[in-house]
Amino acid sequence: MQKQLLKKLCCPIDKSDLEVQIFTEQEDEILEALMTCPECNRFFPVIYGLPILIPDEYRDFDMEGEVLTRWGFILDEKSETPQLLPEASTTE
């Protein structure tokens, strides 16, 4: 995904601006990143340069979970909508 595309993306649920954490990039290309919506608290990963911006019911959270774990996050299974928790918070 080209970095300049970030200016045009918004949350597909509530149309809010997304916050971005880039994990892997190559020149102007984002290969791995995590986009989060500060309004609805949903997350949208960028995997292999592809932003996953689809509704929750169509997402494969098992596939995304592997990448999220590598980045130091886990899914909060208690939440009605997919939420992220830092791995460290699960030890409390």
N, C-alpha and C. Protein backbone atom coordinates (compact mmCIF):
# COMPACT_ATOMS: atom_id res chain seq x y z
N MET A 1 0.85 -1.16 0.00
CA MET A 1 0.00 0.00 0.00
C MET A 1 0.91 1.24 0.00
N GLN A 2 0.64 2.14 -0.87
CA GLN A 2 1.41 3.38 -0.95
C GLN A 2 1.08 4.28 0.24
N LYS A 3 2.10 4.92 0.82
CA LYS A 3 1.90 5.80 1.97
C LYS A 3 0.89 6.91 1.68
N GLN A 4 0.89 7.42 0.47
CA GLN A 4 -0.01 8.51 0.13
C GLN A 4 -1.48 8.09 0.20
N LEU A 5 -1.75 6.80 0.13
CA LEU A 5 -3.13 6.32 0.23
C LEU A 5 -3.69 6.55 1.64
N LEU A 6 -2.83 6.62 2.65
CA LEU A 6 -3.29 6.82 4.03
C LEU A 6 -4.13 8.08 4.18
N LYS A 7 -3.83 9.11 3.40
CA LYS A 7 -4.58 10.37 3.48
C LYS A 7 -6.02 10.22 3.01
N LYS A 8 -6.29 9.19 2.22
CA LYS A 8 -7.61 9.00 1.64
C LYS A 8 -8.46 7.96 2.36
N LEU A 9 -7.83 7.18 3.24
CA LEU A 9 -8.57 6.11 3.92
C LEU A 9 -9.29 6.63 5.16
N CYS A 10 -10.43 6.02 5.45
CA CYS A 10 -11.17 6.31 6.67
C CYS A 10 -11.79 5.02 7.17
N CYS A 11 -12.32 5.05 8.37
CA CYS A 11 -12.98 3.88 8.94
C CYS A 11 -14.20 3.54 8.08
N PRO A 12 -14.30 2.29 7.62
CA PRO A 12 -15.45 1.91 6.80
C PRO A 12 -16.76 1.84 7.60
N ILE A 13 -16.67 1.85 8.91
CA ILE A 13 -17.86 1.76 9.75
C ILE A 13 -18.44 3.13 10.04
N ASP A 14 -17.60 4.06 10.53
CA ASP A 14 -18.14 5.37 10.92
C ASP A 14 -17.49 6.56 10.20
N LYS A 15 -16.63 6.26 9.23
CA LYS A 15 -15.99 7.28 8.38
C LYS A 15 -15.03 8.21 9.11
N SER A 16 -14.57 7.85 10.30
CA SER A 16 -13.59 8.65 11.05
C SER A 16 -12.19 8.45 10.47
N ASP A 17 -11.31 9.41 10.75
CA ASP A 17 -9.91 9.26 10.36
C ASP A 17 -9.29 8.10 11.13
N LEU A 18 -8.36 7.42 10.50
CA LEU A 18 -7.68 6.28 11.12
C LEU A 18 -6.30 6.68 11.64
N GLU A 19 -5.92 6.10 12.77
CA GLU A 19 -4.56 6.23 13.28
C GLU A 19 -3.77 5.04 12.77
N VAL A 20 -2.49 5.26 12.46
CA VAL A 20 -1.71 4.21 11.81
C VAL A 20 -0.41 3.95 12.56
N GLN A 21 -0.11 2.66 12.78
CA GLN A 21 1.18 2.22 13.28
C GLN A 21 1.81 1.38 12.16
N ILE A 22 2.94 1.81 11.66
CA ILE A 22 3.60 1.08 10.58
C ILE A 22 4.66 0.16 11.20
N PHE A 23 4.62 -1.12 10.81
CA PHE A 23 5.55 -2.10 11.33
C PHE A 23 6.63 -2.48 10.32
N THR A 24 6.25 -2.58 9.04
CA THR A 24 7.20 -2.93 7.99
C THR A 24 6.92 -2.06 6.77
N GLU A 25 7.97 -1.44 6.26
CA GLU A 25 7.81 -0.65 5.05
C GLU A 25 9.04 -0.79 4.18
N GLN A 26 8.85 -0.51 2.91
CA GLN A 26 9.93 -0.60 1.94
C GLN A 26 9.78 0.60 1.01
N GLU A 27 10.68 1.56 1.12
CA GLU A 27 10.60 2.82 0.40
C GLU A 27 9.27 3.50 0.72
N ASP A 28 8.43 3.78 -0.27
CA ASP A 28 7.13 4.42 -0.02
C ASP A 28 5.99 3.41 0.13
N GLU A 29 6.32 2.15 0.24
CA GLU A 29 5.32 1.09 0.31
C GLU A 29 5.19 0.58 1.75
N ILE A 30 3.96 0.57 2.27
CA ILE A 30 3.69 0.01 3.60
C ILE A 30 3.34 -1.46 3.40
N LEU A 31 4.12 -2.34 4.02
CA LEU A 31 3.88 -3.78 3.89
C LEU A 31 3.05 -4.32 5.04
N GLU A 32 3.33 -3.84 6.26
CA GLU A 32 2.58 -4.28 7.44
C GLU A 32 2.30 -3.07 8.32
N ALA A 33 1.05 -2.92 8.70
CA ALA A 33 0.67 -1.79 9.56
C ALA A 33 -0.64 -2.14 10.26
N LEU A 34 -0.96 -1.34 11.25
CA LEU A 34 -2.22 -1.50 11.96
C LEU A 34 -2.91 -0.14 11.99
N MET A 35 -4.09 -0.09 11.39
CA MET A 35 -4.89 1.13 11.39
C MET A 35 -5.99 0.95 12.43
N THR A 36 -6.18 1.94 13.27
CA THR A 36 -7.23 1.87 14.29
C THR A 36 -8.11 3.10 14.20
N CYS A 37 -9.38 2.90 14.53
CA CYS A 37 -10.35 3.99 14.54
C CYS A 37 -10.53 4.46 15.99
N PRO A 38 -10.23 5.72 16.29
CA PRO A 38 -10.39 6.20 17.66
C PRO A 38 -11.84 6.35 18.10
N GLU A 39 -12.78 6.35 17.15
CA GLU A 39 -14.19 6.51 17.49
C GLU A 39 -14.86 5.18 17.85
N CYS A 40 -14.74 4.18 16.98
CA CYS A 40 -15.42 2.90 17.24
C CYS A 40 -14.47 1.84 17.79
N ASN A 41 -13.17 2.17 17.88
CA ASN A 41 -12.14 1.28 18.43
C ASN A 41 -11.92 0.00 17.62
N ARG A 42 -12.36 -0.02 16.38
CA ARG A 42 -12.06 -1.17 15.53
C ARG A 42 -10.65 -1.03 14.98
N PHE A 43 -10.11 -2.15 14.52
CA PHE A 43 -8.77 -2.15 13.94
C PHE A 43 -8.83 -2.75 12.54
N PHE A 44 -7.88 -2.33 11.73
CA PHE A 44 -7.80 -2.78 10.35
C PHE A 44 -6.33 -2.97 10.01
N PRO A 45 -5.88 -4.22 9.86
CA PRO A 45 -4.47 -4.45 9.56
C PRO A 45 -4.15 -4.23 8.08
N VAL A 46 -2.89 -3.97 7.83
CA VAL A 46 -2.35 -3.99 6.47
C VAL A 46 -1.42 -5.20 6.46
N ILE A 47 -1.74 -6.18 5.63
CA ILE A 47 -0.98 -7.43 5.57
C ILE A 47 -0.53 -7.63 4.12
N TYR A 48 0.77 -7.86 3.93
CA TYR A 48 1.36 -8.01 2.59
C TYR A 48 1.03 -6.80 1.71
N GLY A 49 0.94 -5.62 2.32
CA GLY A 49 0.67 -4.40 1.57
C GLY A 49 -0.79 -4.16 1.25
N LEU A 50 -1.68 -5.04 1.73
CA LEU A 50 -3.11 -4.90 1.45
C LEU A 50 -3.87 -4.47 2.69
N PRO A 51 -4.54 -3.30 2.65
CA PRO A 51 -5.36 -2.89 3.79
C PRO A 51 -6.64 -3.72 3.86
N ILE A 52 -6.94 -4.24 5.03
CA ILE A 52 -8.15 -5.04 5.21
C ILE A 52 -9.20 -4.13 5.84
N LEU A 53 -10.06 -3.58 5.01
CA LEU A 53 -11.06 -2.61 5.44
C LEU A 53 -12.46 -3.14 5.14
N ILE A 54 -12.77 -4.30 5.69
CA ILE A 54 -14.08 -4.90 5.44
C ILE A 54 -14.84 -5.04 6.76
N PRO A 55 -16.18 -5.14 6.68
CA PRO A 55 -16.98 -5.28 7.90
C PRO A 55 -16.60 -6.52 8.71
N ASP A 56 -16.83 -6.43 10.01
CA ASP A 56 -16.44 -7.50 10.93
C ASP A 56 -16.95 -8.88 10.52
N GLU A 57 -18.18 -8.95 10.05
CA GLU A 57 -18.76 -10.26 9.75
C GLU A 57 -18.09 -10.98 8.58
N TYR A 58 -17.30 -10.28 7.78
CA TYR A 58 -16.63 -10.90 6.65
C TYR A 58 -15.14 -11.11 6.88
N ARG A 59 -14.64 -10.76 8.05
CA ARG A 59 -13.21 -10.85 8.31
C ARG A 59 -12.82 -12.22 8.87
N ASP A 60 -11.58 -12.61 8.62
CA ASP A 60 -11.04 -13.86 9.13
C ASP A 60 -10.08 -13.52 10.27
N PHE A 61 -10.62 -13.46 11.50
CA PHE A 61 -9.82 -13.04 12.64
C PHE A 61 -8.77 -14.07 13.03
N ASP A 62 -8.96 -15.33 12.63
CA ASP A 62 -7.92 -16.33 12.88
C ASP A 62 -6.67 -16.00 12.08
N MET A 63 -6.85 -15.63 10.81
CA MET A 63 -5.71 -15.27 9.97
C MET A 63 -5.06 -13.99 10.49
N GLU A 64 -5.87 -13.00 10.85
CA GLU A 64 -5.34 -11.74 11.35
C GLU A 64 -4.65 -11.91 12.70
N GLY A 65 -5.13 -12.87 13.50
CA GLY A 65 -4.58 -13.08 14.83
C GLY A 65 -3.10 -13.40 14.83
N GLU A 66 -2.64 -14.19 13.86
CA GLU A 66 -1.21 -14.52 13.76
C GLU A 66 -0.36 -13.27 13.61
N VAL A 67 -0.80 -12.39 12.72
CA VAL A 67 -0.04 -11.16 12.46
C VAL A 67 -0.12 -10.25 13.68
N LEU A 68 -1.28 -10.13 14.29
CA LEU A 68 -1.45 -9.27 15.46
C LEU A 68 -0.56 -9.74 16.61
N THR A 69 -0.46 -11.04 16.80
CA THR A 69 0.39 -11.59 17.85
C THR A 69 1.86 -11.24 17.59
N ARG A 70 2.27 -11.34 16.35
CA ARG A 70 3.65 -10.99 15.99
C ARG A 70 3.93 -9.51 16.29
N TRP A 71 2.91 -8.67 16.17
CA TRP A 71 3.05 -7.24 16.45
C TRP A 71 2.88 -6.91 17.92
N GLY A 72 2.55 -7.90 18.75
CA GLY A 72 2.43 -7.67 20.18
C GLY A 72 1.02 -7.36 20.66
N PHE A 73 0.00 -7.78 19.90
CA PHE A 73 -1.40 -7.55 20.27
C PHE A 73 -2.15 -8.88 20.31
N ILE A 74 -3.27 -8.88 20.99
CA ILE A 74 -4.19 -10.01 20.96
C ILE A 74 -5.60 -9.47 20.80
N LEU A 75 -6.51 -10.31 20.37
CA LEU A 75 -7.91 -9.91 20.23
C LEU A 75 -8.61 -10.03 21.57
N ASP A 76 -9.46 -9.05 21.88
CA ASP A 76 -10.28 -9.10 23.08
C ASP A 76 -11.57 -9.82 22.73
N GLU A 77 -11.64 -11.10 23.09
CA GLU A 77 -12.79 -11.92 22.72
C GLU A 77 -14.04 -11.59 23.53
N LYS A 78 -13.91 -10.82 24.62
CA LYS A 78 -15.05 -10.46 25.46
C LYS A 78 -15.86 -9.31 24.87
N SER A 79 -15.28 -8.58 23.95
CA SER A 79 -15.92 -7.40 23.39
C SER A 79 -16.90 -7.79 22.29
N GLU A 80 -17.96 -6.99 22.13
CA GLU A 80 -18.93 -7.24 21.06
C GLU A 80 -18.34 -6.98 19.69
N THR A 81 -17.43 -6.02 19.59
CA THR A 81 -16.73 -5.76 18.35
C THR A 81 -15.26 -6.09 18.57
N PRO A 82 -14.54 -6.47 17.54
CA PRO A 82 -13.13 -6.83 17.71
C PRO A 82 -12.33 -5.65 18.26
N GLN A 83 -11.65 -5.90 19.35
CA GLN A 83 -10.80 -4.89 19.99
C GLN A 83 -9.42 -5.48 20.18
N LEU A 84 -8.43 -4.64 20.29
CA LEU A 84 -7.06 -5.10 20.52
C LEU A 84 -6.65 -4.83 21.94
N LEU A 85 -5.88 -5.73 22.48
CA LEU A 85 -5.25 -5.54 23.80
C LEU A 85 -3.76 -5.77 23.63
N PRO A 86 -2.92 -4.94 24.23
CA PRO A 86 -1.49 -5.28 24.22
C PRO A 86 -1.30 -6.60 24.95
N GLU A 87 -0.36 -7.40 24.52
CA GLU A 87 -0.13 -8.71 25.14
C GLU A 87 0.13 -8.59 26.64
N ALA A 88 0.81 -7.55 27.05
CA ALA A 88 1.17 -7.39 28.46
C ALA A 88 -0.05 -7.29 29.36
N SER A 89 -1.17 -6.76 28.86
CA SER A 89 -2.34 -6.58 29.71
C SER A 89 -3.06 -7.89 30.03
N THR A 90 -2.73 -8.97 29.32
CA THR A 90 -3.38 -10.25 29.58
C THR A 90 -2.83 -10.94 30.81
N THR A 91 -1.72 -10.48 31.34
CA THR A 91 -1.13 -11.12 32.50
C THR A 91 -1.71 -10.60 33.79
N GLU A 92 -2.55 -9.56 33.73
CA GLU A 92 -3.13 -8.97 34.95
C GLU A 92 -4.26 -9.81 35.50
